[in-house]
Every structure is written in structure tokens, then in C-alpha cells.
């Protein structure tokens, strides 16, 4: 972490996702996280979700790894994304 911080010139606590989620509220948040993710824990997404104010949605996708939501549940993924955009854009 120290190396990444020194290379980027930032401190990790300054860009903690749960702090950012709180700061951008009440911007609508749709958070999706694959339960088979091996790099970032679903607990991290739940912490971000908890920190954000409404309106917010969290979708934990069973069997999906990082960025694999569309492969795990193609129809549900498309339906949820389109419904979110229809409602909030």
C-alpha cells in the first residue's frame, strides 16, 4: 500500500470508497458485487452501501467474479441496468 500511495501521490484514506459514497450522496448509487470476487470482499461493498445515503441499491450477484455480473445473470443484469437508467437518467 505504501508503494501505491507514494507512486500515486495520495493517501488511501483520502479515497476510501465509503467516504466518497457518503460525500456524493444524494447522488443515486447502484452497486453490484460478485459474490465469487476474489480480490475485493463483498463486505467492502456492503460497507460502501451502508455509508451511502439514499437513494441506493446493492446487488450481490451469486457466482459472479469481478466484472462478471453479466455472465452470471445476463437477463437479470440487463433488466436491472436498464431499469436503473430509465429511472435515474
N, C-alpha and C. Protein backbone atom coordinates (compact mmCIF):
# COMPACT_ATOMS: atom_id res chain seq x y z
N UNK A 1 0.83 -1.19 0.00
CA UNK A 1 0.00 0.00 0.00
C UNK A 1 0.88 1.26 0.00
N UNK A 2 1.95 1.22 0.78
CA UNK A 2 2.84 2.37 0.84
C UNK A 2 3.38 2.72 -0.54
N UNK A 3 3.79 1.71 -1.30
CA UNK A 3 4.33 1.96 -2.63
C UNK A 3 3.27 2.57 -3.55
N UNK A 4 2.07 2.03 -3.51
CA UNK A 4 0.99 2.57 -4.35
C UNK A 4 0.70 4.02 -3.97
N UNK A 5 0.67 4.30 -2.67
CA UNK A 5 0.42 5.67 -2.22
C UNK A 5 1.52 6.62 -2.67
N UNK A 6 2.77 6.19 -2.56
CA UNK A 6 3.87 7.07 -2.94
C UNK A 6 3.92 7.29 -4.45
N UNK A 7 3.63 6.28 -5.22
CA UNK A 7 3.61 6.42 -6.69
C UNK A 7 2.48 7.32 -7.15
N UNK A 8 1.30 7.18 -6.54
CA UNK A 8 0.13 7.96 -6.94
C UNK A 8 0.09 9.33 -6.30
N UNK A 9 0.85 9.50 -5.21
CA UNK A 9 0.85 10.79 -4.53
C UNK A 9 -0.42 11.05 -3.72
N UNK A 10 -1.05 9.98 -3.27
CA UNK A 10 -2.27 10.11 -2.48
C UNK A 10 -2.18 9.21 -1.25
N UNK A 11 -3.08 9.43 -0.31
CA UNK A 11 -3.19 8.55 0.84
C UNK A 11 -4.48 7.75 0.68
N UNK A 12 -4.40 6.47 0.97
CA UNK A 12 -5.56 5.60 0.75
C UNK A 12 -6.78 6.07 1.53
N UNK A 13 -6.58 6.62 2.71
CA UNK A 13 -7.74 7.07 3.49
C UNK A 13 -8.44 8.27 2.85
N UNK A 14 -7.74 8.97 1.95
CA UNK A 14 -8.35 10.11 1.27
C UNK A 14 -9.29 9.68 0.14
N UNK A 15 -9.17 8.45 -0.30
CA UNK A 15 -10.01 7.96 -1.40
C UNK A 15 -10.75 6.68 -1.01
N UNK A 16 -10.97 6.49 0.28
CA UNK A 16 -11.71 5.31 0.74
C UNK A 16 -13.11 5.36 0.14
N UNK A 17 -13.52 4.30 -0.56
CA UNK A 17 -14.82 4.33 -1.24
C UNK A 17 -16.00 4.69 -0.34
N UNK A 18 -16.00 4.21 0.90
CA UNK A 18 -17.14 4.54 1.76
C UNK A 18 -17.18 6.03 2.09
N UNK A 19 -16.03 6.70 2.12
CA UNK A 19 -16.04 8.16 2.32
C UNK A 19 -16.56 8.88 1.09
N UNK A 20 -16.17 8.40 -0.06
CA UNK A 20 -16.62 9.01 -1.31
C UNK A 20 -18.12 8.79 -1.48
N UNK A 21 -18.60 7.60 -1.17
CA UNK A 21 -20.04 7.31 -1.30
C UNK A 21 -20.86 8.26 -0.44
N UNK A 22 -20.39 8.53 0.75
CA UNK A 22 -21.09 9.46 1.63
C UNK A 22 -21.05 10.88 1.07
N UNK A 23 -19.89 11.28 0.55
CA UNK A 23 -19.71 12.65 0.07
C UNK A 23 -20.55 12.95 -1.17
N UNK A 24 -20.79 11.97 -2.02
CA UNK A 24 -21.54 12.23 -3.25
C UNK A 24 -23.04 12.09 -3.06
N UNK A 25 -23.46 11.58 -1.92
CA UNK A 25 -24.89 11.48 -1.64
C UNK A 25 -25.49 12.88 -1.65
N UNK A 26 -26.67 13.05 -2.18
CA UNK A 26 -27.67 12.06 -2.53
C UNK A 26 -27.65 11.59 -3.98
N UNK A 27 -26.50 11.61 -4.63
CA UNK A 27 -26.41 11.03 -5.96
C UNK A 27 -26.80 9.56 -5.89
N UNK A 28 -27.61 9.11 -6.82
CA UNK A 28 -28.09 7.74 -6.82
C UNK A 28 -26.93 6.77 -7.01
N UNK A 29 -26.92 5.72 -6.21
CA UNK A 29 -25.85 4.73 -6.25
C UNK A 29 -26.44 3.36 -6.57
N UNK A 30 -25.91 2.73 -7.60
CA UNK A 30 -26.20 1.33 -7.89
C UNK A 30 -24.87 0.60 -7.76
N UNK A 31 -24.80 -0.28 -6.80
CA UNK A 31 -23.57 -1.02 -6.54
C UNK A 31 -23.84 -2.49 -6.80
N UNK A 32 -22.96 -3.10 -7.61
CA UNK A 32 -23.09 -4.52 -7.92
C UNK A 32 -21.78 -5.19 -7.55
N UNK A 33 -21.89 -6.35 -6.93
CA UNK A 33 -20.68 -7.05 -6.49
C UNK A 33 -20.87 -8.54 -6.65
N UNK A 34 -19.92 -9.18 -7.33
CA UNK A 34 -19.95 -10.63 -7.48
C UNK A 34 -19.54 -11.32 -6.19
N UNK A 35 -20.33 -12.27 -5.76
CA UNK A 35 -20.03 -13.00 -4.52
C UNK A 35 -18.83 -13.93 -4.66
N UNK A 36 -18.43 -14.23 -5.90
CA UNK A 36 -17.24 -15.06 -6.13
C UNK A 36 -16.00 -14.19 -6.38
N UNK A 37 -16.11 -12.91 -6.16
CA UNK A 37 -14.98 -11.98 -6.28
C UNK A 37 -13.87 -12.41 -5.34
N UNK A 38 -12.65 -12.48 -5.85
CA UNK A 38 -11.53 -12.92 -5.04
C UNK A 38 -10.61 -11.78 -4.62
N UNK A 39 -10.74 -10.62 -5.23
CA UNK A 39 -9.85 -9.50 -4.92
C UNK A 39 -10.45 -8.57 -3.88
N UNK A 40 -11.70 -8.23 -4.07
CA UNK A 40 -12.39 -7.30 -3.17
C UNK A 40 -13.54 -8.05 -2.50
N UNK A 41 -13.58 -7.99 -1.20
CA UNK A 41 -14.60 -8.72 -0.44
C UNK A 41 -15.97 -8.09 -0.61
N UNK A 42 -17.02 -8.92 -0.67
CA UNK A 42 -18.38 -8.36 -0.66
C UNK A 42 -18.63 -7.50 0.57
N UNK A 43 -17.92 -7.77 1.66
CA UNK A 43 -18.04 -6.93 2.85
C UNK A 43 -17.67 -5.48 2.56
N UNK A 44 -16.71 -5.28 1.66
CA UNK A 44 -16.32 -3.92 1.28
C UNK A 44 -17.47 -3.21 0.58
N UNK A 45 -18.15 -3.90 -0.30
CA UNK A 45 -19.30 -3.30 -0.98
C UNK A 45 -20.42 -3.00 0.01
N UNK A 46 -20.60 -3.89 0.96
CA UNK A 46 -21.63 -3.65 1.96
C UNK A 46 -21.29 -2.44 2.83
N UNK A 47 -19.99 -2.22 3.12
CA UNK A 47 -19.58 -1.05 3.89
C UNK A 47 -19.81 0.24 3.10
N UNK A 48 -19.53 0.19 1.81
CA UNK A 48 -19.78 1.35 0.95
C UNK A 48 -21.28 1.65 0.92
N UNK A 49 -22.07 0.61 0.74
CA UNK A 49 -23.52 0.75 0.69
C UNK A 49 -24.06 1.34 1.99
N UNK A 50 -23.57 0.84 3.10
CA UNK A 50 -24.02 1.33 4.40
C UNK A 50 -23.68 2.82 4.57
N UNK A 51 -22.52 3.24 4.07
CA UNK A 51 -22.08 4.63 4.24
C UNK A 51 -22.84 5.60 3.35
N UNK A 52 -23.34 5.12 2.21
CA UNK A 52 -24.04 6.00 1.27
C UNK A 52 -25.43 6.34 1.80
N UNK A 53 -25.88 7.52 1.44
CA UNK A 53 -27.25 7.90 1.76
C UNK A 53 -28.17 7.46 0.63
N UNK A 54 -29.46 7.54 0.85
CA UNK A 54 -30.45 7.20 -0.18
C UNK A 54 -30.41 8.25 -1.27
N UNK A 55 -30.77 7.90 -2.48
CA UNK A 55 -31.21 6.59 -2.96
C UNK A 55 -30.01 5.69 -3.28
N UNK A 56 -30.14 4.43 -2.95
CA UNK A 56 -29.04 3.48 -3.16
C UNK A 56 -29.58 2.07 -3.31
N UNK A 57 -28.86 1.27 -4.07
CA UNK A 57 -29.19 -0.14 -4.29
C UNK A 57 -27.91 -0.93 -4.28
N UNK A 58 -27.96 -2.09 -3.67
CA UNK A 58 -26.83 -3.03 -3.67
C UNK A 58 -27.34 -4.35 -4.22
N UNK A 59 -26.63 -4.86 -5.21
CA UNK A 59 -26.97 -6.14 -5.79
C UNK A 59 -25.75 -7.05 -5.66
N UNK A 60 -25.86 -8.08 -4.85
CA UNK A 60 -24.80 -9.08 -4.69
C UNK A 60 -25.14 -10.23 -5.61
N UNK A 61 -24.24 -10.51 -6.55
CA UNK A 61 -24.52 -11.50 -7.60
C UNK A 61 -23.87 -12.84 -7.26
N UNK A 62 -24.68 -13.84 -6.95
CA UNK A 62 -24.13 -15.17 -6.64
C UNK A 62 -23.36 -15.73 -7.83
N UNK A 63 -22.22 -16.32 -7.57
CA UNK A 63 -21.45 -17.00 -8.61
C UNK A 63 -20.66 -16.09 -9.53
N UNK A 64 -20.74 -14.79 -9.36
CA UNK A 64 -20.04 -13.87 -10.25
C UNK A 64 -18.73 -13.42 -9.63
N UNK A 65 -17.69 -13.40 -10.45
CA UNK A 65 -16.40 -12.84 -10.04
C UNK A 65 -16.36 -11.36 -10.40
N UNK A 66 -15.17 -10.78 -10.38
CA UNK A 66 -15.00 -9.36 -10.66
C UNK A 66 -15.43 -9.04 -12.10
N UNK A 67 -16.40 -8.17 -12.24
CA UNK A 67 -16.87 -7.76 -13.56
C UNK A 67 -17.59 -8.84 -14.34
N UNK A 68 -18.06 -9.87 -13.65
CA UNK A 68 -18.71 -11.00 -14.33
C UNK A 68 -20.21 -11.06 -14.12
N UNK A 69 -20.81 -9.99 -13.65
CA UNK A 69 -22.24 -9.99 -13.40
C UNK A 69 -23.05 -10.34 -14.63
N UNK A 70 -22.66 -9.80 -15.76
CA UNK A 70 -23.41 -10.05 -16.98
C UNK A 70 -23.32 -11.51 -17.42
N UNK A 71 -22.17 -12.15 -17.13
CA UNK A 71 -22.03 -13.57 -17.48
C UNK A 71 -22.82 -14.45 -16.52
N UNK A 72 -22.89 -14.06 -15.26
CA UNK A 72 -23.58 -14.88 -14.26
C UNK A 72 -25.09 -14.83 -14.40
N UNK A 73 -25.62 -13.66 -14.75
CA UNK A 73 -27.08 -13.47 -14.85
C UNK A 73 -27.40 -12.48 -15.96
N UNK A 74 -27.21 -12.88 -17.23
CA UNK A 74 -27.33 -11.92 -18.32
C UNK A 74 -28.67 -11.17 -18.39
N UNK A 75 -29.78 -11.89 -18.27
CA UNK A 75 -31.08 -11.23 -18.38
C UNK A 75 -31.35 -10.33 -17.18
N UNK A 76 -31.10 -10.82 -15.98
CA UNK A 76 -31.32 -10.02 -14.78
C UNK A 76 -30.40 -8.80 -14.77
N UNK A 77 -29.18 -8.98 -15.22
CA UNK A 77 -28.21 -7.89 -15.29
C UNK A 77 -28.72 -6.78 -16.22
N UNK A 78 -29.11 -7.18 -17.42
CA UNK A 78 -29.61 -6.20 -18.39
C UNK A 78 -30.87 -5.52 -17.87
N UNK A 79 -31.79 -6.28 -17.31
CA UNK A 79 -33.04 -5.70 -16.79
C UNK A 79 -32.75 -4.68 -15.69
N UNK A 80 -31.85 -5.02 -14.79
CA UNK A 80 -31.57 -4.13 -13.66
C UNK A 80 -30.86 -2.85 -14.12
N UNK A 81 -29.93 -2.98 -15.03
CA UNK A 81 -29.20 -1.80 -15.54
C UNK A 81 -30.16 -0.89 -16.30
N UNK A 82 -30.94 -1.43 -17.18
CA UNK A 82 -31.88 -0.63 -17.96
C UNK A 82 -32.90 0.04 -17.04
N UNK A 83 -33.43 -0.68 -16.07
CA UNK A 83 -34.40 -0.10 -15.14
C UNK A 83 -33.77 1.03 -14.34
N UNK A 84 -32.53 0.85 -13.91
CA UNK A 84 -31.83 1.90 -13.17
C UNK A 84 -31.67 3.15 -14.04
N UNK A 85 -31.20 2.98 -15.26
CA UNK A 85 -31.03 4.13 -16.16
C UNK A 85 -32.37 4.79 -16.49
N UNK A 86 -33.37 3.99 -16.75
CA UNK A 86 -34.70 4.54 -17.05
C UNK A 86 -35.20 5.41 -15.90
N UNK A 87 -34.96 4.97 -14.69
CA UNK A 87 -35.47 5.70 -13.52
C UNK A 87 -34.63 6.93 -13.14
N UNK A 88 -33.32 6.85 -13.37
CA UNK A 88 -32.43 7.87 -12.80
C UNK A 88 -31.71 8.75 -13.82
N UNK A 89 -31.84 8.48 -15.09
CA UNK A 89 -31.19 9.34 -16.09
C UNK A 89 -32.22 10.07 -16.93
